[in-house]
Amino acid sequence: MLTDNQKLNFVGVNACVLSTLVILLLPLGIQQFDFNEIHAQPASESVTGDKVVILNFDDGRKSQYTQAKPILDKYGFKATFYVVCNYIGKKDGYMDWNEIETLHKEGHDIGSHSMNHLRLETLSKKNVEYEVGQSKRCLQKHGINATSFAYPFNGGSDDKTVVDIVAKYYEFARTGNDALTYLRCDSPKVQPTQPDCRTYTDSNDLTYANRYTVRAWSQDATRIEDSASDNIMADKFIKIVNSQTKYNNAGVINAIPIIIYHRAGDSGVVDYNTDLDLFEKEMKYLHDNNFRVLTMNDLRFDETSNDLDIKEFTAAKMTMVKAIPNATIKATTPTMVKAIPNPIAIEVLAESPKNTTSIGSKQLSNVALHDNATSIELANKIIDTALFDSLNADPTLTNTPKITTSIATKQPSNVALHDNETSIEMANKLIDAASMASLNAHESQADRG
């Protein structure tokens, strides 16, 4: 716990720093880097950070590309498509490789659903190895590095042999059929409550929830079980996606609904088929109610805490550093320092910004970065704090977050942020400039924390 004399002065940018940044920005050709303009994000476009959802499409059916994708494109959503390798381009009613590769190039996540969609728990170890491992290599041949696997028929997720083989090739594996995935694997339905997301207990039994049994809700399976109409399914969908609200608060995500679809608008089919009007209504609901739609590739596993996280929402732990006069400090993650005792200094944001990975994430084509509401919301907090503190407190060395300027720049269409070398180079220069200006203006020292 910090004492009053150890309050954190986050991003203490003084006038010297701001002047230096302006000088740097001009030759880099940035048309606008206006703090007030960044705030101009309309409220209707903002995302609270508390409502997220992951969309899955299983089997690689053609209608997912021809019918569902245009609706996803309309609302700017990306999804995870779990494909069966031996179905691609070989079986009627399923996508071909050109369509799969197009999805991948446009920023959708492609996962493995095995080679032949067989019940893995019924196969020999050798055949499981083929279904799981060969499907990974199959996708790699087409330039796709699948990071997650979906069990065919949800089978095998409670089988040690199957799980161990899946773990050799993938970071995550998905099964059903729960309304929510709890990122701490502490589902209230499971008693006693799991302490974390480790795959095995101390007695070497498989846990109910872990990185290889990520739980999802199949709308199609529920429809069949309940013989439900589209109106009933629409109500169920709304209830499911909102069931996270009691667990998520102030941008801290503890539970996520993952929704599974199969066929989309196929004619003459009832089972495992979502009517296109229903799908449109569900996507519109997510859009109009400011849900952040993610993919399975946005998940990560924290090896230290043995918990699941969302990459963009993960906050780096605070690191205390000692300021060295006349030295340039570059940081790969935002760094915080202990301020000189100052009665005016205020404590702000004890954790590093949660959007530090946005440089490495993909944006929608033809969408400016400042339309990324979650990043903008967090960036605004940093900017507000920096401006306030620079006017009211003595500046002390702090490394400026690298995403500060990339928020205000526009990307070319279909280019991942980590491919934008200019933004990263510019951000590094800003960090250097802020560090040097602060050190030269105030040769302050900070005790190592």
Protein backbone atom coordinates (compact mmCIF):
# COMPACT_ATOMS: atom_id res chain seq x y z
CA MET A 1 0.00 0.00 0.00
CA LEU A 2 1.51 3.35 -0.98
CA THR A 3 1.91 6.11 1.58
CA ASP A 4 0.76 9.63 0.90
CA ASN A 5 4.30 10.56 -0.08
CA GLN A 6 4.43 7.75 -2.57
CA LYS A 7 1.39 8.65 -4.61
CA LEU A 8 1.75 7.97 -8.29
CA ASN A 9 1.85 10.84 -10.72
CA PHE A 10 0.95 9.04 -13.97
CA VAL A 11 2.38 10.42 -17.21
CA GLY A 12 3.52 13.72 -15.82
CA VAL A 13 3.96 15.61 -19.06
CA ASN A 14 5.11 19.21 -18.71
CA ALA A 15 5.09 22.00 -21.27
CA CYS A 16 8.61 21.10 -22.36
CA VAL A 17 7.53 17.57 -23.10
CA LEU A 18 4.45 18.65 -25.02
CA SER A 19 6.51 21.08 -27.10
CA THR A 20 8.97 18.34 -27.94
CA LEU A 21 6.16 16.01 -28.97
CA VAL A 22 4.68 18.59 -31.30
CA ILE A 23 8.07 19.06 -32.97
CA LEU A 24 8.34 15.31 -33.46
CA LEU A 25 4.82 14.89 -34.81
CA LEU A 26 5.01 17.52 -37.52
CA PRO A 27 7.71 15.93 -39.68
CA LEU A 28 6.05 12.55 -39.32
CA GLY A 29 3.11 13.88 -41.33
CA ILE A 30 0.41 13.36 -38.73
CA GLN A 31 -2.53 15.44 -39.80
CA GLN A 32 -4.10 15.62 -36.36
CA PHE A 33 -3.03 14.87 -32.83
CA ASP A 34 -5.64 16.84 -30.98
CA PHE A 35 -6.57 15.74 -27.47
CA ASN A 36 -9.97 17.37 -27.78
CA GLU A 37 -10.69 15.68 -31.09
CA ILE A 38 -9.91 12.31 -29.57
CA HIS A 39 -12.64 13.05 -27.04
CA ALA A 40 -15.09 13.70 -29.86
CA GLN A 41 -16.09 10.01 -30.07
CA PRO A 42 -19.92 10.04 -30.10
CA ALA A 43 -21.46 8.41 -27.07
CA SER A 44 -23.54 6.13 -29.27
CA GLU A 45 -20.33 4.61 -30.68
CA SER A 46 -18.64 4.02 -27.34
CA VAL A 47 -18.15 0.59 -25.78
CA THR A 48 -18.37 0.33 -22.03
CA GLY A 49 -15.75 -2.38 -21.75
CA ASP A 50 -18.05 -4.47 -19.57
CA LYS A 51 -20.00 -6.17 -22.37
CA VAL A 52 -18.09 -8.53 -24.62
CA VAL A 53 -19.06 -11.55 -26.69
CA ILE A 54 -17.24 -14.09 -28.85
CA LEU A 55 -18.91 -15.48 -31.98
CA ASN A 56 -18.09 -18.99 -33.26
CA PHE A 57 -19.12 -20.69 -36.50
CA ASP A 58 -18.60 -24.45 -36.66
CA ASP A 59 -17.92 -26.84 -39.55
CA GLY A 60 -17.06 -24.31 -42.29
CA ARG A 61 -20.40 -24.32 -44.06
CA LYS A 62 -20.79 -22.28 -47.24
CA SER A 63 -23.75 -20.27 -45.88
CA GLN A 64 -21.51 -18.88 -43.15
CA TYR A 65 -19.55 -17.14 -45.89
CA THR A 66 -22.36 -16.25 -48.28
CA GLN A 67 -25.08 -15.39 -45.73
CA ALA A 68 -23.59 -14.65 -42.30
CA LYS A 69 -20.41 -12.86 -43.35
CA PRO A 70 -22.20 -9.94 -45.08
CA ILE A 71 -24.09 -9.28 -41.84
CA LEU A 72 -20.89 -9.49 -39.81
CA ASP A 73 -19.30 -7.06 -42.26
CA LYS A 74 -22.26 -4.71 -41.95
CA TYR A 75 -21.69 -4.32 -38.21
CA GLY A 76 -17.91 -4.57 -38.30
CA PHE A 77 -17.75 -7.84 -36.37
CA LYS A 78 -15.11 -10.56 -36.58
CA ALA A 79 -15.68 -14.18 -35.60
CA THR A 80 -13.88 -17.47 -35.15
CA PHE A 81 -14.61 -20.06 -37.85
CA TYR A 82 -13.87 -23.67 -36.86
CA VAL A 83 -13.32 -25.65 -40.06
CA VAL A 84 -13.06 -29.35 -40.86
CA CYS A 85 -10.05 -29.69 -43.13
CA ASN A 86 -11.24 -32.59 -45.26
CA TYR A 87 -14.55 -30.82 -45.89
CA ILE A 88 -12.94 -27.71 -47.38
CA GLY A 89 -13.44 -27.64 -51.13
CA LYS A 90 -14.38 -31.33 -51.12
CA LYS A 91 -17.89 -31.54 -49.70
CA ASP A 92 -21.04 -29.90 -51.04
CA GLY A 93 -22.34 -27.10 -48.87
CA TYR A 94 -18.95 -26.23 -47.37
CA MET A 95 -16.47 -23.43 -48.05
CA ASP A 96 -13.49 -23.77 -50.33
CA TRP A 97 -9.93 -22.69 -49.55
CA ASN A 98 -10.31 -19.36 -51.31
CA GLU A 99 -13.20 -18.46 -49.00
CA ILE A 100 -11.34 -19.66 -45.90
CA GLU A 101 -8.25 -17.67 -46.86
CA THR A 102 -10.38 -14.60 -47.55
CA LEU A 103 -11.88 -14.79 -44.07
CA HIS A 104 -8.39 -15.08 -42.63
CA LYS A 105 -7.04 -12.13 -44.63
CA GLU A 106 -9.97 -9.96 -43.55
CA GLY A 107 -9.16 -10.48 -39.88
CA HIS A 108 -11.41 -13.36 -38.92
CA ASP A 109 -9.96 -16.08 -36.73
CA ILE A 110 -9.71 -19.58 -38.21
CA GLY A 111 -9.65 -22.51 -35.81
CA SER A 112 -9.45 -26.26 -36.23
CA HIS A 113 -12.45 -28.58 -35.98
CA SER A 114 -10.41 -31.72 -36.80
CA MET A 115 -9.76 -33.47 -40.11
CA ASN A 116 -13.00 -35.45 -40.46
CA HIS A 117 -15.35 -34.35 -37.64
CA LEU A 118 -15.25 -37.67 -35.79
CA ARG A 119 -15.97 -38.39 -32.14
CA LEU A 120 -12.47 -38.20 -30.73
CA GLU A 121 -13.26 -40.09 -27.53
CA THR A 122 -14.03 -43.20 -29.62
CA LEU A 123 -10.75 -43.19 -31.57
CA SER A 124 -7.37 -44.77 -30.91
CA LYS A 125 -4.59 -42.50 -29.68
CA LYS A 126 -2.97 -42.66 -33.11
CA ASN A 127 -6.15 -41.55 -34.85
CA VAL A 128 -6.75 -38.78 -32.34
CA GLU A 129 -3.22 -37.56 -33.07
CA TYR A 130 -4.06 -37.48 -36.76
CA GLU A 131 -7.40 -35.69 -36.38
CA VAL A 132 -5.96 -33.06 -34.04
CA GLY A 133 -2.39 -32.62 -35.22
CA GLN A 134 -2.88 -33.03 -38.95
CA SER A 135 -5.66 -30.45 -38.95
CA LYS A 136 -3.19 -27.96 -37.48
CA ARG A 137 -0.68 -28.73 -40.24
CA CYS A 138 -3.44 -28.65 -42.86
CA LEU A 139 -4.26 -25.05 -41.99
CA GLN A 140 -0.61 -24.08 -41.75
CA LYS A 141 -0.13 -25.12 -45.37
CA HIS A 142 -2.56 -22.35 -46.25
CA GLY A 143 -0.83 -19.73 -44.15
CA ILE A 144 -3.16 -20.07 -41.15
CA ASN A 145 -1.76 -20.69 -37.68
CA ALA A 146 -4.77 -21.98 -35.78
CA THR A 147 -4.44 -21.29 -32.05
CA SER A 148 -7.64 -22.98 -30.90
CA PHE A 149 -9.50 -26.23 -31.46
CA ALA A 150 -13.21 -27.10 -31.22
CA TYR A 151 -14.11 -30.67 -30.22
CA PRO A 152 -16.45 -32.31 -32.77
CA PHE A 153 -19.75 -33.10 -31.03
CA ASN A 154 -18.15 -31.60 -27.86
CA GLY A 155 -16.64 -35.05 -27.36
CA GLY A 156 -13.28 -35.78 -25.79
CA SER A 157 -12.95 -32.71 -23.60
CA ASP A 158 -13.22 -34.95 -20.53
CA ASP A 159 -10.76 -37.53 -21.87
CA LYS A 160 -7.14 -37.20 -20.68
CA THR A 161 -5.66 -38.73 -23.80
CA VAL A 162 -7.60 -36.41 -26.09
CA VAL A 163 -6.94 -33.30 -24.00
CA ASP A 164 -3.21 -34.01 -23.77
CA ILE A 165 -2.95 -34.33 -27.55
CA VAL A 166 -4.97 -31.15 -28.11
CA ALA A 167 -2.64 -29.35 -25.67
CA LYS A 168 0.36 -30.26 -27.84
CA TYR A 169 -0.93 -28.23 -30.76
CA TYR A 170 -3.28 -25.50 -29.53
CA GLU A 171 -3.43 -22.76 -26.91
CA PHE A 172 -7.16 -23.27 -26.29
CA ALA A 173 -9.93 -25.72 -27.04
CA ARG A 174 -13.66 -25.10 -26.98
CA THR A 175 -16.53 -27.29 -25.90
CA GLY A 176 -20.14 -26.77 -24.75
CA ASN A 177 -22.68 -26.12 -23.47
CA ASP A 178 -22.63 -23.37 -20.86
CA ALA A 179 -23.93 -19.82 -21.06
CA LEU A 180 -20.67 -18.26 -19.87
CA THR A 181 -16.95 -18.87 -19.84
CA TYR A 182 -15.52 -17.73 -16.52
CA LEU A 183 -12.02 -16.37 -16.97
CA ARG A 184 -11.00 -17.55 -13.50
CA CYS A 185 -12.70 -20.90 -14.10
CA ASP A 186 -14.75 -20.28 -10.95
CA SER A 187 -18.17 -21.14 -12.28
CA PRO A 188 -20.77 -21.02 -9.48
CA LYS A 189 -22.30 -24.15 -11.04
CA VAL A 190 -19.24 -26.19 -10.09
CA GLN A 191 -18.72 -27.02 -6.43
CA PRO A 192 -16.30 -26.87 -4.81
CA THR A 193 -15.22 -23.81 -6.78
CA GLN A 194 -12.04 -24.20 -8.79
CA PRO A 195 -9.16 -22.03 -7.51
CA ASP A 196 -7.82 -21.38 -11.03
CA CYS A 197 -7.77 -22.69 -14.61
CA ARG A 198 -5.16 -25.40 -14.36
CA THR A 199 -5.91 -28.39 -16.57
CA TYR A 200 -5.36 -30.98 -13.84
CA THR A 201 -6.07 -31.09 -10.13
CA ASP A 202 -3.40 -32.01 -7.59
CA SER A 203 -4.72 -35.56 -7.75
CA ASN A 204 -4.20 -35.59 -11.56
CA ASP A 205 -7.87 -35.41 -12.49
CA LEU A 206 -9.09 -33.18 -15.31
CA THR A 207 -10.73 -30.00 -14.08
CA TYR A 208 -14.18 -29.04 -15.31
CA ALA A 209 -13.05 -25.70 -16.71
CA ASN A 210 -9.60 -25.02 -18.12
CA ARG A 211 -7.92 -23.66 -21.25
CA TYR A 212 -8.80 -26.87 -23.13
CA THR A 213 -12.45 -26.90 -22.08
CA VAL A 214 -13.50 -23.32 -22.79
CA ARG A 215 -17.28 -23.40 -22.47
CA ALA A 216 -19.63 -21.99 -25.09
CA TRP A 217 -23.39 -21.84 -25.73
CA SER A 218 -24.77 -23.49 -28.87
CA GLN A 219 -27.86 -21.63 -29.99
CA ASP A 220 -28.65 -24.47 -32.37
CA ALA A 221 -28.42 -27.21 -29.73
CA THR A 222 -30.65 -25.22 -27.39
CA ARG A 223 -33.21 -24.70 -30.13
CA ILE A 224 -33.42 -28.46 -30.73
CA GLU A 225 -33.58 -29.33 -27.04
CA ASP A 226 -36.32 -26.79 -26.31
CA SER A 227 -38.14 -26.97 -29.67
CA ALA A 228 -37.94 -23.19 -29.54
CA SER A 229 -39.26 -20.68 -32.06
CA ASP A 230 -37.20 -17.80 -33.43
CA ASN A 231 -38.89 -15.38 -31.03
CA ILE A 232 -38.01 -17.56 -28.07
CA MET A 233 -34.45 -17.96 -29.33
CA ALA A 234 -34.09 -14.20 -29.72
CA ASP A 235 -35.11 -13.77 -26.08
CA LYS A 236 -32.72 -16.51 -24.99
CA PHE A 237 -29.89 -14.89 -26.94
CA ILE A 238 -30.46 -11.55 -25.21
CA LYS A 239 -30.59 -13.24 -21.83
CA ILE A 240 -27.38 -15.18 -22.51
CA VAL A 241 -25.28 -12.25 -23.74
CA ASN A 242 -26.43 -10.10 -20.82
CA SER A 243 -25.82 -12.77 -18.19
CA GLN A 244 -22.22 -11.50 -17.94
CA THR A 245 -23.23 -8.16 -16.42
CA LYS A 246 -23.33 -9.42 -12.84
CA TYR A 247 -19.69 -10.54 -13.13
CA ASN A 248 -18.13 -7.70 -15.15
CA ASN A 249 -17.67 -4.20 -13.83
CA ALA A 250 -15.58 -1.08 -14.55
CA GLY A 251 -13.80 -2.68 -17.47
CA VAL A 252 -12.80 -5.78 -15.52
CA ILE A 253 -13.96 -8.85 -17.45
CA ASN A 254 -14.58 -12.03 -15.46
CA ALA A 255 -17.09 -13.83 -17.67
CA ILE A 256 -17.73 -13.99 -21.43
CA PRO A 257 -20.59 -15.49 -23.45
CA ILE A 258 -19.34 -17.48 -26.44
CA ILE A 259 -22.08 -18.14 -29.01
CA ILE A 260 -21.91 -21.06 -31.47
CA TYR A 261 -23.60 -21.05 -34.88
CA HIS A 262 -23.64 -23.71 -37.60
CA ARG A 263 -25.78 -23.18 -40.70
CA ALA A 264 -26.86 -19.63 -41.46
CA GLY A 265 -30.00 -19.10 -43.51
CA ASP A 266 -29.89 -22.46 -45.30
CA SER A 267 -33.17 -23.15 -47.10
CA GLY A 268 -35.18 -26.26 -46.33
CA VAL A 269 -33.17 -27.02 -43.18
CA VAL A 270 -34.32 -26.74 -39.58
CA ASP A 271 -31.74 -28.46 -37.37
CA TYR A 272 -28.55 -26.55 -36.63
CA ASN A 273 -29.69 -23.67 -38.80
CA THR A 274 -30.19 -20.06 -37.75
CA ASP A 275 -32.74 -18.12 -39.78
CA LEU A 276 -31.08 -15.11 -41.42
CA ASP A 277 -33.62 -12.66 -40.02
CA LEU A 278 -32.91 -13.95 -36.51
CA PHE A 279 -29.16 -13.69 -37.06
CA GLU A 280 -29.52 -10.13 -38.32
CA LYS A 281 -31.59 -9.18 -35.25
CA GLU A 282 -29.01 -10.72 -32.91
CA MET A 283 -26.08 -8.92 -34.53
CA LYS A 284 -28.02 -5.65 -34.54
CA TYR A 285 -28.73 -6.11 -30.85
CA LEU A 286 -25.01 -6.52 -30.11
CA HIS A 287 -24.20 -3.46 -32.20
CA ASP A 288 -26.95 -1.21 -30.84
CA ASN A 289 -26.16 -2.15 -27.24
CA ASN A 290 -22.43 -1.53 -27.58
CA PHE A 291 -21.10 -5.04 -27.14
CA ARG A 292 -17.45 -5.60 -28.01
CA VAL A 293 -17.29 -8.61 -30.34
CA LEU A 294 -14.08 -10.62 -30.04
CA THR A 295 -12.63 -13.85 -31.39
CA MET A 296 -11.08 -16.85 -29.66
CA ASN A 297 -7.69 -15.51 -30.69
CA ASP A 298 -8.28 -12.56 -28.35
CA LEU A 299 -7.96 -14.91 -25.38
CA ARG A 300 -4.69 -15.56 -23.61
CA PHE A 301 -3.60 -17.77 -20.74
CA ASP A 302 -1.67 -16.26 -17.84
CA GLU A 303 0.95 -18.83 -16.88
CA THR A 304 1.60 -17.07 -13.57
CA SER A 305 -1.96 -16.87 -12.26
CA ASN A 306 -3.27 -19.84 -14.29
CA ASP A 307 -6.22 -17.74 -15.42
CA LEU A 308 -7.69 -16.73 -18.76
CA ASP A 309 -7.49 -13.14 -19.94
CA ILE A 310 -8.59 -11.03 -22.87
CA LYS A 311 -5.46 -9.68 -24.54
CA GLU A 312 -6.60 -6.11 -25.02
CA PHE A 313 -8.16 -5.88 -21.57
CA THR A 314 -5.12 -7.28 -19.74
CA ALA A 315 -3.39 -4.73 -17.55
CA ALA A 316 0.35 -5.03 -17.08
CA LYS A 317 1.52 -4.99 -13.50
CA MET A 318 3.07 -1.75 -12.25
CA THR A 319 6.86 -1.57 -12.45
CA MET A 320 8.82 0.89 -10.34
CA VAL A 321 12.04 2.29 -11.86
CA LYS A 322 14.82 4.63 -10.83
CA ALA A 323 15.26 7.75 -12.92
CA ILE A 324 18.80 8.28 -14.25
CA PRO A 325 19.59 11.87 -15.31
CA ASN A 326 20.40 12.39 -18.98
CA ALA A 327 19.48 8.84 -19.92
CA THR A 328 16.90 7.71 -22.44
CA ILE A 329 14.67 4.95 -21.17
CA LYS A 330 12.75 2.84 -23.67
CA ALA A 331 10.09 0.49 -22.45
CA THR A 332 8.28 -2.30 -24.23
CA THR A 333 5.38 -1.83 -21.80
CA PRO A 334 4.17 1.35 -20.10
CA THR A 335 6.24 1.98 -16.98
CA MET A 336 5.30 3.84 -13.84
CA VAL A 337 7.63 5.64 -11.42
CA LYS A 338 7.39 6.87 -7.88
CA ALA A 339 7.02 10.66 -7.80
CA ILE A 340 8.96 13.07 -5.62
CA PRO A 341 6.82 13.87 -2.56
CA ASN A 342 4.42 16.51 -3.74
CA PRO A 343 1.30 17.63 -1.88
CA ILE A 344 -0.46 18.49 -5.12
CA ALA A 345 0.26 15.22 -6.91
CA ILE A 346 -2.68 12.87 -7.16
CA GLU A 347 -2.87 9.11 -7.42
CA VAL A 348 -4.22 7.91 -10.75
CA LEU A 349 -4.60 4.56 -12.44
CA ALA A 350 -2.50 2.27 -10.26
CA GLU A 351 -2.34 -0.19 -13.14
CA SER A 352 -0.83 0.34 -16.59
CA PRO A 353 -3.27 1.06 -19.45
CA LYS A 354 -5.28 -1.98 -20.46
CA ASN A 355 -5.03 -1.31 -24.18
CA THR A 356 -1.28 -1.80 -24.51
CA THR A 357 -1.77 -4.62 -27.01
CA SER A 358 -3.81 -2.56 -29.43
CA ILE A 359 -0.68 -2.00 -31.53
CA GLY A 360 -0.67 -5.72 -32.22
CA SER A 361 -4.37 -6.14 -32.89
CA LYS A 362 -6.21 -5.97 -36.18
CA GLN A 363 -8.63 -3.23 -37.10
CA LEU A 364 -11.53 -3.41 -39.49
CA SER A 365 -10.71 -2.35 -43.03
CA ASN A 366 -11.31 1.32 -43.77
CA VAL A 367 -11.90 2.15 -40.11
CA ALA A 368 -9.88 4.86 -38.40
CA LEU A 369 -8.20 3.91 -35.17
CA HIS A 370 -10.06 6.59 -33.27
CA ASP A 371 -13.21 4.58 -33.96
CA ASN A 372 -11.86 1.92 -31.63
CA ALA A 373 -14.03 2.92 -28.69
CA THR A 374 -12.40 0.76 -26.05
CA SER A 375 -8.90 2.02 -26.82
CA ILE A 376 -10.17 5.57 -27.02
CA GLU A 377 -11.91 5.38 -23.66
CA LEU A 378 -8.74 4.27 -21.94
CA ALA A 379 -6.52 6.64 -23.91
CA ASN A 380 -8.71 9.57 -22.93
CA LYS A 381 -8.22 8.75 -19.27
CA ILE A 382 -4.45 8.78 -19.77
CA ILE A 383 -4.55 12.04 -21.71
CA ASP A 384 -6.84 13.76 -19.20
CA THR A 385 -4.61 12.70 -16.35
CA ALA A 386 -1.43 13.76 -18.14
CA LEU A 387 -2.77 17.24 -18.89
CA PHE A 388 -4.16 17.72 -15.39
CA ASP A 389 -1.02 16.59 -13.62
CA SER A 390 1.31 18.57 -15.86
CA LEU A 391 -0.46 21.72 -14.74
CA ASN A 392 -0.68 20.86 -11.06
CA ALA A 393 2.37 18.85 -10.13
CA ASP A 394 6.09 18.79 -10.69
CA PRO A 395 6.79 16.42 -13.58
CA THR A 396 8.69 13.23 -12.92
CA LEU A 397 9.96 10.71 -15.41
CA THR A 398 7.36 8.35 -16.78
CA ASN A 399 7.49 6.44 -20.03
CA THR A 400 4.62 7.47 -22.28
CA PRO A 401 2.44 4.53 -23.42
CA LYS A 402 3.33 3.57 -26.98
CA ILE A 403 -0.27 3.57 -28.10
CA THR A 404 -0.86 7.26 -27.37
CA THR A 405 -0.21 8.47 -30.91
CA SER A 406 -1.36 5.47 -32.86
CA ILE A 407 -4.88 6.14 -31.56
CA ALA A 408 -4.98 9.41 -33.50
CA THR A 409 -3.66 8.13 -36.82
CA LYS A 410 -5.51 6.43 -39.65
CA GLN A 411 -4.49 3.03 -40.95
CA PRO A 412 -4.74 1.88 -44.55
CA SER A 413 -7.47 -0.69 -45.08
CA ASN A 414 -6.76 -4.35 -44.27
CA VAL A 415 -3.46 -3.59 -42.53
CA ALA A 416 -2.76 -4.95 -39.06
CA LEU A 417 -1.56 -2.39 -36.55
CA HIS A 418 1.67 -4.26 -35.91
CA ASP A 419 2.46 -3.83 -39.62
CA ASN A 420 2.35 -0.07 -39.23
CA GLU A 421 6.02 0.59 -38.58
CA THR A 422 5.51 4.33 -38.69
CA SER A 423 3.18 4.35 -35.69
CA ILE A 424 5.51 2.21 -33.63
CA GLU A 425 8.59 4.21 -34.64
CA MET A 426 6.80 7.44 -33.83
CA ALA A 427 5.62 6.13 -30.48
CA ASN A 428 9.18 5.14 -29.55
CA LYS A 429 10.41 8.63 -30.42
CA LEU A 430 7.68 10.11 -28.25
CA ILE A 431 8.78 7.96 -25.35
CA ASP A 432 12.41 9.04 -25.82
CA ALA A 433 11.43 12.68 -26.12
CA ALA A 434 9.24 12.60 -23.03
CA SER A 435 11.95 10.88 -21.01
CA MET A 436 14.73 13.23 -22.09
CA ALA A 437 12.69 16.39 -21.70
CA SER A 438 11.54 15.40 -18.25
CA LEU A 439 15.04 14.42 -17.14
CA ASN A 440 16.65 17.54 -18.50
CA ALA A 441 14.03 19.87 -17.03
CA HIS A 442 13.90 18.24 -13.62
CA GLU A 443 16.74 15.99 -12.59
CA SER A 444 14.44 14.19 -10.26
CA GLN A 445 15.14 10.82 -8.76
CA ALA A 446 12.78 8.06 -7.86
CA ASP A 447 13.55 5.27 -5.41
CA ARG A 448 13.33 1.80 -6.85
CA GLY A 449 10.06 0.13 -5.80
